[in-house]
Amino acid sequence: MPHVIVQATPNVTIKEPESLLKKLNSTLWETGHFGSLQAIKARFVKLETFLVGVEDEQQAEGFVYIQLRLMPGRSQQIRDDLAEKLHACLQQQLGADQSGHVTVQYCVEVVELSEAYQKIRV
């Protein structure tokens, strides 16, 4: 744990998704809040269909959304700090690659999993 899920609209330029995931994982690892590197799992989902607002001209807007899923027990201050660090990493990694033709919104949400969450390593 944690799980990092990155979703991006197709109008956002992400040249190397694997590199972005590595940087996000490194950012989380460097916080010292996780017991092992292998505990941090990340995936990238390129959205095929999306809608921003309802008007055609609003489709020139795009977004990158990160959901960080954590086991319960971390303080709000830690969750806020993790979100802030991921947000800064996202902007740093992707900001220069954007063409300026698309307005991009970077979003980070931190979600605590239910205590019923189960994982089994086989």
PDB file of N, CA and C in Angstrom:
ATOM      1  N   MET A   1       0.844  -1.139   0.000  1.00  0.00           N
ATOM      2  CA  MET A   1       0.000   0.000   0.000  1.00  0.00           C
ATOM      3  C   MET A   1       0.901   1.215   0.000  1.00  0.00           C
ATOM      4  N   PRO A   2       0.734   2.230  -0.640  1.00  0.00           N
ATOM      5  CA  PRO A   2      -0.476   2.777  -1.236  1.00  0.00           C
ATOM      6  C   PRO A   2      -0.647   2.393  -2.706  1.00  0.00           C
ATOM      7  N   HIS A   3      -1.793   2.776  -3.247  1.00  0.00           N
ATOM      8  CA  HIS A   3      -2.056   2.658  -4.676  1.00  0.00           C
ATOM      9  C   HIS A   3      -2.149   4.073  -5.241  1.00  0.00           C
ATOM     10  N   VAL A   4      -1.468   4.290  -6.359  1.00  0.00           N
ATOM     11  CA  VAL A   4      -1.497   5.570  -7.065  1.00  0.00           C
ATOM     12  C   VAL A   4      -2.151   5.302  -8.416  1.00  0.00           C
ATOM     13  N   ILE A   5      -3.263   5.957  -8.681  1.00  0.00           N
ATOM     14  CA  ILE A   5      -3.966   5.788  -9.951  1.00  0.00           C
ATOM     15  C   ILE A   5      -3.979   7.138 -10.653  1.00  0.00           C
ATOM     16  N   VAL A   6      -3.346   7.173 -11.821  1.00  0.00           N
ATOM     17  CA  VAL A   6      -3.265   8.400 -12.606  1.00  0.00           C
ATOM     18  C   VAL A   6      -4.186   8.248 -13.806  1.00  0.00           C
ATOM     19  N   GLN A   7      -5.094   9.185 -13.969  1.00  0.00           N
ATOM     20  CA  GLN A   7      -5.978   9.219 -15.133  1.00  0.00           C
ATOM     21  C   GLN A   7      -5.721  10.525 -15.876  1.00  0.00           C
ATOM     22  N   ALA A   8      -5.666  10.436 -17.210  1.00  0.00           N
ATOM     23  CA  ALA A   8      -5.404  11.633 -18.008  1.00  0.00           C
ATOM     24  C   ALA A   8      -6.273  11.632 -19.251  1.00  0.00           C
ATOM     25  N   THR A   9      -6.752  12.810 -19.605  1.00  0.00           N
ATOM     26  CA  THR A   9      -7.525  12.950 -20.835  1.00  0.00           C
ATOM     27  C   THR A   9      -6.561  12.906 -22.022  1.00  0.00           C
ATOM     28  N   PRO A  10      -7.041  12.458 -23.181  1.00  0.00           N
ATOM     29  CA  PRO A  10      -6.141  12.292 -24.325  1.00  0.00           C
ATOM     30  C   PRO A  10      -5.578  13.598 -24.886  1.00  0.00           C
ATOM     31  N   ASN A  11      -6.140  14.726 -24.511  1.00  0.00           N
ATOM     32  CA  ASN A  11      -5.619  15.999 -24.999  1.00  0.00           C
ATOM     33  C   ASN A  11      -4.498  16.558 -24.134  1.00  0.00           C
ATOM     34  N   VAL A  12      -4.078  15.814 -23.107  1.00  0.00           N
ATOM     35  CA  VAL A  12      -2.957  16.194 -22.261  1.00  0.00           C
ATOM     36  C   VAL A  12      -1.725  15.414 -22.732  1.00  0.00           C
ATOM     37  N   THR A  13      -0.615  16.108 -22.916  1.00  0.00           N
ATOM     38  CA  THR A  13       0.607  15.467 -23.383  1.00  0.00           C
ATOM     39  C   THR A  13       1.355  14.847 -22.211  1.00  0.00           C
ATOM     40  N   ILE A  14       1.510  13.525 -22.264  1.00  0.00           N
ATOM     41  CA  ILE A  14       2.340  12.808 -21.293  1.00  0.00           C
ATOM     42  C   ILE A  14       3.260  11.920 -22.121  1.00  0.00           C
ATOM     43  N   LYS A  15       4.471  12.402 -22.328  1.00  0.00           N
ATOM     44  CA  LYS A  15       5.393  11.733 -23.243  1.00  0.00           C
ATOM     45  C   LYS A  15       5.847  10.369 -22.738  1.00  0.00           C
ATOM     46  N   GLU A  16       6.103  10.260 -21.456  1.00  0.00           N
ATOM     47  CA  GLU A  16       6.600   9.006 -20.883  1.00  0.00           C
ATOM     48  C   GLU A  16       5.829   8.670 -19.610  1.00  0.00           C
ATOM     49  N   PRO A  17       4.683   7.984 -19.742  1.00  0.00           N
ATOM     50  CA  PRO A  17       3.879   7.659 -18.559  1.00  0.00           C
ATOM     51  C   PRO A  17       4.644   6.843 -17.513  1.00  0.00           C
ATOM     52  N   GLU A  18       5.506   5.930 -17.962  1.00  0.00           N
ATOM     53  CA  GLU A  18       6.268   5.111 -17.009  1.00  0.00           C
ATOM     54  C   GLU A  18       7.201   5.980 -16.170  1.00  0.00           C
ATOM     55  N   SER A  19       7.810   6.957 -16.804  1.00  0.00           N
ATOM     56  CA  SER A  19       8.705   7.866 -16.100  1.00  0.00           C
ATOM     57  C   SER A  19       7.929   8.695 -15.071  1.00  0.00           C
ATOM     58  N   LEU A  20       6.729   9.130 -15.445  1.00  0.00           N
ATOM     59  CA  LEU A  20       5.880   9.862 -14.511  1.00  0.00           C
ATOM     60  C   LEU A  20       5.547   9.000 -13.297  1.00  0.00           C
ATOM     61  N   LEU A  21       5.175   7.748 -13.536  1.00  0.00           N
ATOM     62  CA  LEU A  21       4.841   6.855 -12.415  1.00  0.00           C
ATOM     63  C   LEU A  21       6.039   6.646 -11.501  1.00  0.00           C
ATOM     64  N   LYS A  22       7.218   6.469 -12.077  1.00  0.00           N
ATOM     65  CA  LYS A  22       8.435   6.299 -11.261  1.00  0.00           C
ATOM     66  C   LYS A  22       8.679   7.531 -10.404  1.00  0.00           C
ATOM     67  N   LYS A  23       8.489   8.701 -10.988  1.00  0.00           N
ATOM     68  CA  LYS A  23       8.715   9.941 -10.241  1.00  0.00           C
ATOM     69  C   LYS A  23       7.685  10.097  -9.116  1.00  0.00           C
ATOM     70  N   LEU A  24       6.431   9.763  -9.397  1.00  0.00           N
ATOM     71  CA  LEU A  24       5.403   9.825  -8.348  1.00  0.00           C
ATOM     72  C   LEU A  24       5.704   8.851  -7.225  1.00  0.00           C
ATOM     73  N   ASN A  25       6.088   7.623  -7.580  1.00  0.00           N
ATOM     74  CA  ASN A  25       6.438   6.631  -6.557  1.00  0.00           C
ATOM     75  C   ASN A  25       7.630   7.093  -5.724  1.00  0.00           C
ATOM     76  N   SER A  26       8.641   7.659  -6.387  1.00  0.00           N
ATOM     77  CA  SER A  26       9.817   8.169  -5.672  1.00  0.00           C
ATOM     78  C   SER A  26       9.426   9.292  -4.723  1.00  0.00           C
ATOM     79  N   THR A  27       8.535  10.153  -5.179  1.00  0.00           N
ATOM     80  CA  THR A  27       8.062  11.262  -4.344  1.00  0.00           C
ATOM     81  C   THR A  27       7.405  10.731  -3.074  1.00  0.00           C
ATOM     82  N   LEU A  28       6.569   9.710  -3.223  1.00  0.00           N
ATOM     83  CA  LEU A  28       5.932   9.116  -2.043  1.00  0.00           C
ATOM     84  C   LEU A  28       6.959   8.445  -1.141  1.00  0.00           C
ATOM     85  N   TRP A  29       7.885   7.718  -1.726  1.00  0.00           N
ATOM     86  CA  TRP A  29       8.897   6.997  -0.952  1.00  0.00           C
ATOM     87  C   TRP A  29       9.727   7.978  -0.114  1.00  0.00           C
ATOM     88  N   GLU A  30      10.075   9.098  -0.724  1.00  0.00           N
ATOM     89  CA  GLU A  30      10.928  10.076  -0.045  1.00  0.00           C
ATOM     90  C   GLU A  30      10.245  10.729   1.159  1.00  0.00           C
ATOM     91  N   THR A  31       8.933  10.582   1.304  1.00  0.00           N
ATOM     92  CA  THR A  31       8.240  11.148   2.469  1.00  0.00           C
ATOM     93  C   THR A  31       8.546  10.372   3.741  1.00  0.00           C
ATOM     94  N   GLY A  32       8.979   9.123   3.589  1.00  0.00           N
ATOM     95  CA  GLY A  32       9.266   8.300   4.760  1.00  0.00           C
ATOM     96  C   GLY A  32       8.043   7.671   5.404  1.00  0.00           C
ATOM     97  N   HIS A  33       6.893   7.752   4.764  1.00  0.00           N
ATOM     98  CA  HIS A  33       5.660   7.228   5.347  1.00  0.00           C
ATOM     99  C   HIS A  33       5.338   5.797   4.932  1.00  0.00           C
ATOM    100  N   PHE A  34       6.216   5.181   4.156  1.00  0.00           N
ATOM    101  CA  PHE A  34       5.922   3.844   3.644  1.00  0.00           C
ATOM    102  C   PHE A  34       7.080   2.912   3.942  1.00  0.00           C
ATOM    103  N   GLY A  35       6.739   1.644   4.255  1.00  0.00           N
ATOM    104  CA  GLY A  35       7.721   0.686   4.741  1.00  0.00           C
ATOM    105  C   GLY A  35       8.656   0.098   3.704  1.00  0.00           C
ATOM    106  N   SER A  36       8.221   0.021   2.458  1.00  0.00           N
ATOM    107  CA  SER A  36       9.085  -0.531   1.415  1.00  0.00           C
ATOM    108  C   SER A  36       8.689   0.048   0.066  1.00  0.00           C
ATOM    109  N   LEU A  37       9.662   0.098  -0.823  1.00  0.00           N
ATOM    110  CA  LEU A  37       9.384   0.598  -2.174  1.00  0.00           C
ATOM    111  C   LEU A  37       8.333  -0.248  -2.875  1.00  0.00           C
ATOM    112  N   GLN A  38       8.381  -1.569  -2.645  1.00  0.00           N
ATOM    113  CA  GLN A  38       7.446  -2.466  -3.307  1.00  0.00           C
ATOM    114  C   GLN A  38       6.012  -2.272  -2.828  1.00  0.00           C
ATOM    115  N   ALA A  39       5.844  -1.594  -1.722  1.00  0.00           N
ATOM    116  CA  ALA A  39       4.490  -1.336  -1.215  1.00  0.00           C
ATOM    117  C   ALA A  39       3.765  -0.296  -2.066  1.00  0.00           C
ATOM    118  N   ILE A  40       4.521   0.541  -2.778  1.00  0.00           N
ATOM    119  CA  ILE A  40       3.929   1.621  -3.563  1.00  0.00           C
ATOM    120  C   ILE A  40       3.631   1.105  -4.962  1.00  0.00           C
ATOM    121  N   LYS A  41       2.356   1.083  -5.304  1.00  0.00           N
ATOM    122  CA  LYS A  41       1.908   0.551  -6.594  1.00  0.00           C
ATOM    123  C   LYS A  41       1.234   1.661  -7.387  1.00  0.00           C
ATOM    124  N   ALA A  42       1.631   1.800  -8.650  1.00  0.00           N
ATOM    125  CA  ALA A  42       1.085   2.884  -9.461  1.00  0.00           C
ATOM    126  C   ALA A  42       0.625   2.348 -10.807  1.00  0.00           C
ATOM    127  N   ARG A  43      -0.393   3.002 -11.346  1.00  0.00           N
ATOM    128  CA  ARG A  43      -0.872   2.655 -12.687  1.00  0.00           C
ATOM    129  C   ARG A  43      -1.366   3.915 -13.377  1.00  0.00           C
ATOM    130  N   PHE A  44      -1.290   3.870 -14.707  1.00  0.00           N
ATOM    131  CA  PHE A  44      -1.662   4.993 -15.548  1.00  0.00           C
ATOM    132  C   PHE A  44      -2.827   4.568 -16.425  1.00  0.00           C
ATOM    133  N   VAL A  45      -3.869   5.381 -16.443  1.00  0.00           N
ATOM    134  CA  VAL A  45      -5.050   5.082 -17.242  1.00  0.00           C
ATOM    135  C   VAL A  45      -5.284   6.261 -18.189  1.00  0.00           C
ATOM    136  N   LYS A  46      -5.143   6.007 -19.477  1.00  0.00           N
ATOM    137  CA  LYS A  46      -5.421   7.039 -20.486  1.00  0.00           C
ATOM    138  C   LYS A  46      -6.918   6.970 -20.776  1.00  0.00           C
ATOM    139  N   LEU A  47      -7.613   8.036 -20.499  1.00  0.00           N
ATOM    140  CA  LEU A  47      -9.056   8.071 -20.721  1.00  0.00           C
ATOM    141  C   LEU A  47      -9.348   8.235 -22.205  1.00  0.00           C
ATOM    142  N   GLU A  48     -10.218   7.421 -22.722  1.00  0.00           N
ATOM    143  CA  GLU A  48     -10.613   7.546 -24.128  1.00  0.00           C
ATOM    144  C   GLU A  48     -11.784   8.510 -24.284  1.00  0.00           C
ATOM    145  N   THR A  49     -12.717   8.418 -23.378  1.00  0.00           N
ATOM    146  CA  THR A  49     -13.914   9.248 -23.453  1.00  0.00           C
ATOM    147  C   THR A  49     -13.982  10.110 -22.205  1.00  0.00           C
ATOM    148  N   PHE A  50     -14.172  11.404 -22.400  1.00  0.00           N
ATOM    149  CA  PHE A  50     -14.285  12.312 -21.268  1.00  0.00           C
ATOM    150  C   PHE A  50     -15.133  13.506 -21.692  1.00  0.00           C
ATOM    151  N   LEU A  51     -15.588  14.249 -20.731  1.00  0.00           N
ATOM    152  CA  LEU A  51     -16.371  15.453 -20.996  1.00  0.00           C
ATOM    153  C   LEU A  51     -16.018  16.480 -19.933  1.00  0.00           C
ATOM    154  N   VAL A  52     -15.721  17.681 -20.366  1.00  0.00           N
ATOM    155  CA  VAL A  52     -15.510  18.808 -19.465  1.00  0.00           C
ATOM    156  C   VAL A  52     -16.653  19.770 -19.726  1.00  0.00           C
ATOM    157  N   GLY A  53     -17.455  20.015 -18.717  1.00  0.00           N
ATOM    158  CA  GLY A  53     -18.614  20.883 -18.908  1.00  0.00           C
ATOM    159  C   GLY A  53     -19.598  20.245 -19.876  1.00  0.00           C
ATOM    160  N   VAL A  54     -20.267  21.074 -20.670  1.00  0.00           N
ATOM    161  CA  VAL A  54     -21.258  20.553 -21.614  1.00  0.00           C
ATOM    162  C   VAL A  54     -21.118  21.126 -23.022  1.00  0.00           C
ATOM    163  N   GLU A  55     -20.339  22.191 -23.173  1.00  0.00           N
ATOM    164  CA  GLU A  55     -20.223  22.855 -24.470  1.00  0.00           C
ATOM    165  C   GLU A  55     -19.013  22.337 -25.246  1.00  0.00           C
ATOM    166  N   ASP A  56     -19.106  22.362 -26.575  1.00  0.00           N
ATOM    167  CA  ASP A  56     -18.017  21.869 -27.417  1.00  0.00           C
ATOM    168  C   ASP A  56     -16.694  22.584 -27.156  1.00  0.00           C
ATOM    169  N   GLU A  57     -16.744  23.900 -26.990  1.00  0.00           N
ATOM    170  CA  GLU A  57     -15.497  24.635 -26.785  1.00  0.00           C
ATOM    171  C   GLU A  57     -14.832  24.299 -25.447  1.00  0.00           C
ATOM    172  N   GLN A  58     -15.583  23.744 -24.518  1.00  0.00           N
ATOM    173  CA  GLN A  58     -15.006  23.355 -23.238  1.00  0.00           C
ATOM    174  C   GLN A  58     -14.155  22.089 -23.362  1.00  0.00           C
ATOM    175  N   GLN A  59     -14.254  21.409 -24.488  1.00  0.00           N
ATOM    176  CA  GLN A  59     -13.488  20.169 -24.664  1.00  0.00           C
ATOM    177  C   GLN A  59     -12.021  20.454 -24.974  1.00  0.00           C
ATOM    178  N   ALA A  60     -11.654  21.712 -25.095  1.00  0.00           N
ATOM    179  CA  ALA A  60     -10.250  22.079 -25.230  1.00  0.00           C
ATOM    180  C   ALA A  60      -9.560  22.055 -23.868  1.00  0.00           C
ATOM    181  N   GLU A  61     -10.320  21.753 -22.831  1.00  0.00           N
ATOM    182  CA  GLU A  61      -9.752  21.635 -21.494  1.00  0.00           C
ATOM    183  C   GLU A  61      -9.481  20.166 -21.205  1.00  0.00           C
ATOM    184  N   GLY A  62      -8.428  19.908 -20.469  1.00  0.00           N
ATOM    185  CA  GLY A  62      -8.094  18.536 -20.099  1.00  0.00           C
ATOM    186  C   GLY A  62      -7.744  18.460 -18.628  1.00  0.00           C
ATOM    187  N   PHE A  63      -7.519  17.248 -18.152  1.00  0.00           N
ATOM    188  CA  PHE A  63      -7.134  17.096 -16.757  1.00  0.00           C
ATOM    189  C   PHE A  63      -6.301  15.844 -16.550  1.00  0.00           C
ATOM    190  N   VAL A  64      -5.518  15.919 -15.487  1.00  0.00           N
ATOM    191  CA  VAL A  64      -4.802  14.758 -14.979  1.00  0.00           C
ATOM    192  C   VAL A  64      -5.251  14.625 -13.532  1.00  0.00           C
ATOM    193  N   TYR A  65      -5.743  13.452 -13.201  1.00  0.00           N
ATOM    194  CA  TYR A  65      -6.324  13.207 -11.883  1.00  0.00           C
ATOM    195  C   TYR A  65      -5.557  12.057 -11.235  1.00  0.00           C
ATOM    196  N   ILE A  66      -5.038  12.314 -10.047  1.00  0.00           N
ATOM    197  CA  ILE A  66      -4.375  11.266  -9.274  1.00  0.00           C
ATOM    198  C   ILE A  66      -5.253  10.933  -8.086  1.00  0.00           C
ATOM    199  N   GLN A  67      -5.499   9.649  -7.918  1.00  0.00           N
ATOM    200  CA  GLN A  67      -6.135   9.185  -6.688  1.00  0.00           C
ATOM    201  C   GLN A  67      -5.091   8.372  -5.931  1.00  0.00           C
ATOM    202  N   LEU A  68      -4.829   8.763  -4.703  1.00  0.00           N
ATOM    203  CA  LEU A  68      -3.904   8.058  -3.821  1.00  0.00           C
ATOM    204  C   LEU A  68      -4.746   7.319  -2.794  1.00  0.00           C
ATOM    205  N   ARG A  69      -4.697   6.010  -2.845  1.00  0.00           N
ATOM    206  CA  ARG A  69      -5.473   5.181  -1.916  1.00  0.00           C
ATOM    207  C   ARG A  69      -4.555   4.664  -0.814  1.00  0.00           C
ATOM    208  N   LEU A  70      -4.954   4.944   0.423  1.00  0.00           N
ATOM    209  CA  LEU A  70      -4.155   4.599   1.594  1.00  0.00           C
ATOM    210  C   LEU A  70      -4.963   3.767   2.579  1.00  0.00           C
ATOM    211  N   MET A  71      -4.258   2.967   3.346  1.00  0.00           N
ATOM    212  CA  MET A  71      -4.894   2.301   4.480  1.00  0.00           C
ATOM    213  C   MET A  71      -5.225   3.368   5.516  1.00  0.00           C
ATOM    214  N   PRO A  72      -6.268   3.164   6.312  1.00  0.00           N
ATOM    215  CA  PRO A  72      -6.646   4.161   7.318  1.00  0.00           C
ATOM    216  C   PRO A  72      -5.582   4.307   8.403  1.00  0.00           C
ATOM    217  N   GLY A  73      -5.590   5.471   9.049  1.00  0.00           N
ATOM    218  CA  GLY A  73      -4.725   5.663  10.199  1.00  0.00           C
ATOM    219  C   GLY A  73      -3.786   6.854  10.105  1.00  0.00           C
ATOM    220  N   ARG A  74      -3.598   7.419   8.919  1.00  0.00           N
ATOM    221  CA  ARG A  74      -2.711   8.577   8.805  1.00  0.00           C
ATOM    222  C   ARG A  74      -3.497   9.852   9.118  1.00  0.00           C
ATOM    223  N   SER A  75      -2.823  10.790   9.741  1.00  0.00           N
ATOM    224  CA  SER A  75      -3.485  12.047  10.111  1.00  0.00           C
ATOM    225  C   SER A  75      -3.864  12.842   8.865  1.00  0.00           C
ATOM    226  N   GLN A  76      -4.762  13.794   9.055  1.00  0.00           N
ATOM    227  CA  GLN A  76      -5.156  14.680   7.956  1.00  0.00           C
ATOM    228  C   GLN A  76      -3.951  15.468   7.465  1.00  0.00           C
ATOM    229  N   GLN A  77      -3.082  15.862   8.375  1.00  0.00           N
ATOM    230  CA  GLN A  77      -1.887  16.618   8.004  1.00  0.00           C
ATOM    231  C   GLN A  77      -0.983  15.784   7.081  1.00  0.00           C
ATOM    232  N   ILE A  78      -0.803  14.515   7.370  1.00  0.00           N
ATOM    233  CA  ILE A  78       0.011  13.638   6.515  1.00  0.00           C
ATOM    234  C   ILE A  78      -0.663  13.462   5.164  1.00  0.00           C
ATOM    235  N   ARG A  79      -1.971  13.222   5.153  1.00  0.00           N
ATOM    236  CA  ARG A  79      -2.683  13.055   3.885  1.00  0.00           C
ATOM    237  C   ARG A  79      -2.593  14.323   3.029  1.00  0.00           C
ATOM    238  N   ASP A  80      -2.739  15.484   3.668  1.00  0.00           N
ATOM    239  CA  ASP A  80      -2.619  16.755   2.944  1.00  0.00           C
ATOM    240  C   ASP A  80      -1.213  16.923   2.377  1.00  0.00           C
ATOM    241  N   ASP A  81      -0.208  16.569   3.161  1.00  0.00           N
ATOM    242  CA  ASP A  81       1.182  16.689   2.724  1.00  0.00           C
ATOM    243  C   ASP A  81       1.466  15.765   1.539  1.00  0.00           C
ATOM    244  N   LEU A  82       0.966  14.545   1.592  1.00  0.00           N
ATOM    245  CA  LEU A  82       1.151  13.610   0.474  1.00  0.00           C
ATOM    246  C   LEU A  82       0.491  14.147  -0.783  1.00  0.00           C
ATOM    247  N   ALA A  83      -0.717  14.681  -0.654  1.00  0.00           N
ATOM    248  CA  ALA A  83      -1.422  15.252  -1.804  1.00  0.00           C
ATOM    249  C   ALA A  83      -0.643  16.427  -2.385  1.00  0.00           C
ATOM    250  N   GLU A  84      -0.141  17.290  -1.524  1.00  0.00           N
ATOM    251  CA  GLU A  84       0.618  18.455  -1.980  1.00  0.00           C
ATOM    252  C   GLU A  84       1.890  18.033  -2.722  1.00  0.00           C
ATOM    253  N   LYS A  85       2.580  17.042  -2.199  1.00  0.00           N
ATOM    254  CA  LYS A  85       3.815  16.576  -2.843  1.00  0.00           C
ATOM    255  C   LYS A  85       3.528  15.933  -4.200  1.00  0.00           C
ATOM    256  N   LEU A  86       2.468  15.139  -4.286  1.00  0.00           N
ATOM    257  CA  LEU A  86       2.101  14.545  -5.579  1.00  0.00           C
ATOM    258  C   LEU A  86       1.687  15.618  -6.584  1.00  0.00           C
ATOM    259  N   HIS A  87       0.941  16.608  -6.131  1.00  0.00           N
ATOM    260  CA  HIS A  87       0.493  17.700  -6.996  1.00  0.00           C
ATOM    261  C   HIS A  87       1.703  18.457  -7.552  1.00  0.00           C
ATOM    262  N   ALA A  88       2.666  18.780  -6.695  1.00  0.00           N
ATOM    263  CA  ALA A  88       3.864  19.498  -7.134  1.00  0.00           C
ATOM    264  C   ALA A  88       4.669  18.659  -8.119  1.00  0.00           C
ATOM    265  N   CYS A  89       4.785  17.374  -7.843  1.00  0.00           N
ATOM    266  CA  CYS A  89       5.501  16.471  -8.742  1.00  0.00           C
ATOM    267  C   CYS A  89       4.833  16.436 -10.107  1.00  0.00           C
ATOM    268  N   LEU A  90       3.532  16.335 -10.120  1.00  0.00           N
ATOM    269  CA  LEU A  90       2.765  16.292 -11.365  1.00  0.00           C
ATOM    270  C   LEU A  90       2.997  17.551 -12.192  1.00  0.00           C
ATOM    271  N   GLN A  91       2.900  18.694 -11.568  1.00  0.00           N
ATOM    272  CA  GLN A  91       3.123  19.953 -12.279  1.00  0.00           C
ATOM    273  C   GLN A  91       4.547  20.051 -12.806  1.00  0.00           C
ATOM    274  N   GLN A  92       5.501  19.639 -12.002  1.00  0.00           N
ATOM    275  CA  GLN A  92       6.905  19.707 -12.408  1.00  0.00           C
ATOM    276  C   GLN A  92       7.184  18.777 -13.592  1.00  0.00           C
ATOM    277  N   GLN A  93       6.618  17.593 -13.574  1.00  0.00           N
ATOM    278  CA  GLN A  93       6.887  16.608 -14.608  1.00  0.00           C
ATOM    279  C   GLN A  93       6.166  16.906 -15.912  1.00  0.00           C
ATOM    280  N   LEU A  94       4.971  17.481 -15.840  1.00  0.00           N
ATOM    281  CA  LEU A  94       4.155  17.637 -17.052  1.00  0.00           C
ATOM    282  C   LEU A  94       4.032  19.065 -17.565  1.00  0.00           C
ATOM    283  N   GLY A  95       4.279  20.035 -16.736  1.00  0.00           N
ATOM    284  CA  GLY A  95       4.031  21.419 -17.108  1.00  0.00           C
ATOM    285  C   GLY A  95       4.706  21.861 -18.391  1.00  0.00           C
ATOM    286  N   ALA A  96       5.963  21.508 -18.558  1.00  0.00           N
ATOM    287  CA  ALA A  96       6.716  21.969 -19.733  1.00  0.00           C
ATOM    288  C   ALA A  96       6.282  21.278 -21.021  1.00  0.00           C
ATOM    289  N   ASP A  97       5.644  20.120 -20.915  1.00  0.00           N
ATOM    290  CA  ASP A  97       5.261  19.353 -22.105  1.00  0.00           C
ATOM    291  C   ASP A  97       3.960  19.830 -22.741  1.00  0.00           C
ATOM    292  N   GLN A  98       3.215  20.673 -22.060  1.00  0.00           N
ATOM    293  CA  GLN A  98       1.904  21.068 -22.564  1.00  0.00           C
ATOM    294  C   GLN A  98       2.052  22.141 -23.635  1.00  0.00           C
ATOM    295  N   SER A  99       1.239  22.062 -24.646  1.00  0.00           N
ATOM    296  CA  SER A  99       1.354  22.929 -25.822  1.00  0.00           C
ATOM    297  C   SER A  99       0.825  24.340 -25.591  1.00  0.00           C
ATOM    298  N   GLY A 100      -0.008  24.521 -24.613  1.00  0.00           N
ATOM    299  CA  GLY A 100      -0.652  25.805 -24.425  1.00  0.00           C
ATOM    300  C   GLY A 100      -1.984  25.889 -25.150  1.00  0.00           C
ATOM    301  N   HIS A 101      -2.256  24.905 -26.022  1.00  0.00           N
ATOM    302  CA  HIS A 101      -3.538  24.865 -26.740  1.00  0.00           C
ATOM    303  C   HIS A 101      -4.629  24.260 -25.860  1.00  0.00           C
ATOM    304  N   VAL A 102      -4.203  23.571 -24.809  1.00  0.00           N
ATOM    305  CA  VAL A 102      -5.142  22.906 -23.906  1.00  0.00           C
ATOM    306  C   VAL A 102      -4.908  23.449 -22.503  1.00  0.00           C
ATOM    307  N   THR A 103      -5.981  23.831 -21.847  1.00  0.00           N
ATOM    308  CA  THR A 103      -5.899  24.202 -20.441  1.00  0.00           C
ATOM    309  C   THR A 103      -5.951  22.908 -19.644  1.00  0.00           C
ATOM    310  N   VAL A 104      -4.959  22.690 -18.783  1.00  0.00           N
ATOM    311  CA  VAL A 104      -4.866  21.429 -18.045  1.00  0.00           C
ATOM    312  C   VAL A 104      -5.076  21.694 -16.559  1.00  0.00           C
ATOM    313  N   GLN A 105      -5.924  20.885 -15.959  1.00  0.00           N
ATOM    314  CA  GLN A 105      -6.143  20.943 -14.520  1.00  0.00           C
ATOM    315  C   GLN A 105      -5.480  19.719 -13.905  1.00  0.00           C
ATOM    316  N   TYR A 106      -4.655  19.932 -12.889  1.00  0.00           N
ATOM    317  CA  TYR A 106      -3.998  18.850 -12.161  1.00  0.00           C
ATOM    318  C   TYR A 106      -4.739  18.660 -10.836  1.00  0.00           C
ATOM    319  N   CYS A 107      -5.197  17.441 -10.585  1.00  0.00           N
ATOM    320  CA  CYS A 107      -6.009  17.148  -9.400  1.00  0.00           C
ATOM    321  C   CYS A 107      -5.403  15.975  -8.631  1.00  0.00           C
ATOM    322  N   VAL A 108      -5.446  16.048  -7.312  1.00  0.00           N
ATOM    323  CA  VAL A 108      -5.005  14.947  -6.466  1.00  0.00           C
ATOM    324  C   VAL A 108      -6.054  14.740  -5.384  1.00  0.00           C
ATOM    325  N   GLU A 109      -6.477  13.494  -5.227  1.00  0.00           N
ATOM    326  CA  GLU A 109      -7.420  13.132  -4.169  1.00  0.00           C
ATOM    327  C   GLU A 109      -6.803  12.007  -3.350  1.00  0.00           C
ATOM    328  N   VAL A 110      -6.843  12.144  -2.040  1.00  0.00           N
ATOM    329  CA  VAL A 110      -6.355  11.105  -1.143  1.00  0.00           C
ATOM    330  C   VAL A 110      -7.564  10.428  -0.518  1.00  0.00           C
ATOM    331  N   VAL A 111      -7.618   9.111  -0.668  1.00  0.00           N
ATOM    332  CA  VAL A 111      -8.764   8.336  -0.204  1.00  0.00           C
ATOM    333  C   VAL A 111      -8.282   7.274   0.776  1.00  0.00           C
ATOM    334  N   GLU A 112      -8.940   7.193   1.920  1.00  0.00           N
ATOM    335  CA  GLU A 112      -8.652   6.114   2.858  1.00  0.00           C
ATOM    336  C   GLU A 112      -9.502   4.910   2.494  1.00  0.00           C
ATOM    337  N   LEU A 113      -8.851   3.773   2.392  1.00  0.00           N
ATOM    338  CA  LEU A 113      -9.565   2.538   2.100  1.00  0.00           C
ATOM    339  C   LEU A 113     -10.314   2.056   3.334  1.00  0.00           C
ATOM    340  N   SER A 114     -11.299   1.260   3.108  1.00  0.00           N
ATOM    341  CA  SER A 114     -12.034   0.634   4.199  1.00  0.00           C
ATOM    342  C   SER A 114     -11.108  -0.326   4.934  1.00  0.00           C
ATOM    343  N   GLU A 115     -11.350  -0.493   6.199  1.00  0.00           N
ATOM    344  CA  GLU A 115     -10.563  -1.465   6.967  1.00  0.00           C
ATOM    345  C   GLU A 115     -10.812  -2.887   6.473  1.00  0.00           C
ATOM    346  N   ALA A 116     -11.840  -3.068   5.658  1.00  0.00           N
ATOM    347  CA  ALA A 116     -12.144  -4.376   5.100  1.00  0.00           C
ATOM    348  C   ALA A 116     -11.261  -4.705   3.890  1.00  0.00           C
ATOM    349  N   TYR A 117     -10.423  -3.764   3.439  1.00  0.00           N
ATOM    350  CA  TYR A 117      -9.531  -3.998   2.311  1.00  0.00           C
ATOM    351  C   TYR A 117      -8.639  -5.192   2.618  1.00  0.00           C
ATOM    352  N   GLN A 118      -8.531  -6.076   1.666  1.00  0.00           N
ATOM    353  CA  GLN A 118      -7.730  -7.293   1.834  1.00  0.00           C
ATOM    354  C   GLN A 118      -6.698  -7.395   0.735  1.00  0.00           C
ATOM    355  N   LYS A 119      -5.523  -7.892   1.070  1.00  0.00           N
ATOM    356  CA  LYS A 119      -4.535  -8.223   0.051  1.00  0.00           C
ATOM    357  C   LYS A 119      -3.839  -9.509   0.470  1.00  0.00           C
ATOM    358  N   ILE A 120      -3.529 -10.290  -0.527  1.00  0.00           N
ATOM    359  CA  ILE A 120      -2.856 -11.567  -0.285  1.00  0.00           C
ATOM    360  C   ILE A 120      -1.708 -11.672  -1.271  1.00  0.00           C
ATOM    361  N   ARG A 121      -0.541 -11.973  -0.790  1.00  0.00           N
ATOM    362  CA  ARG A 121       0.613 -12.165  -1.655  1.00  0.00           C
ATOM    363  C   ARG A 121       0.813 -13.668  -1.819  1.00  0.00           C
ATOM    364  N   VAL A 122       0.837 -14.119  -3.056  1.00  0.00           N
ATOM    365  CA  VAL A 122       1.029 -15.559  -3.328  1.00  0.00           C
ATOM    366  C   VAL A 122       2.290 -15.782  -4.127  1.00  0.00           C
TER     367      VAL A 122
END
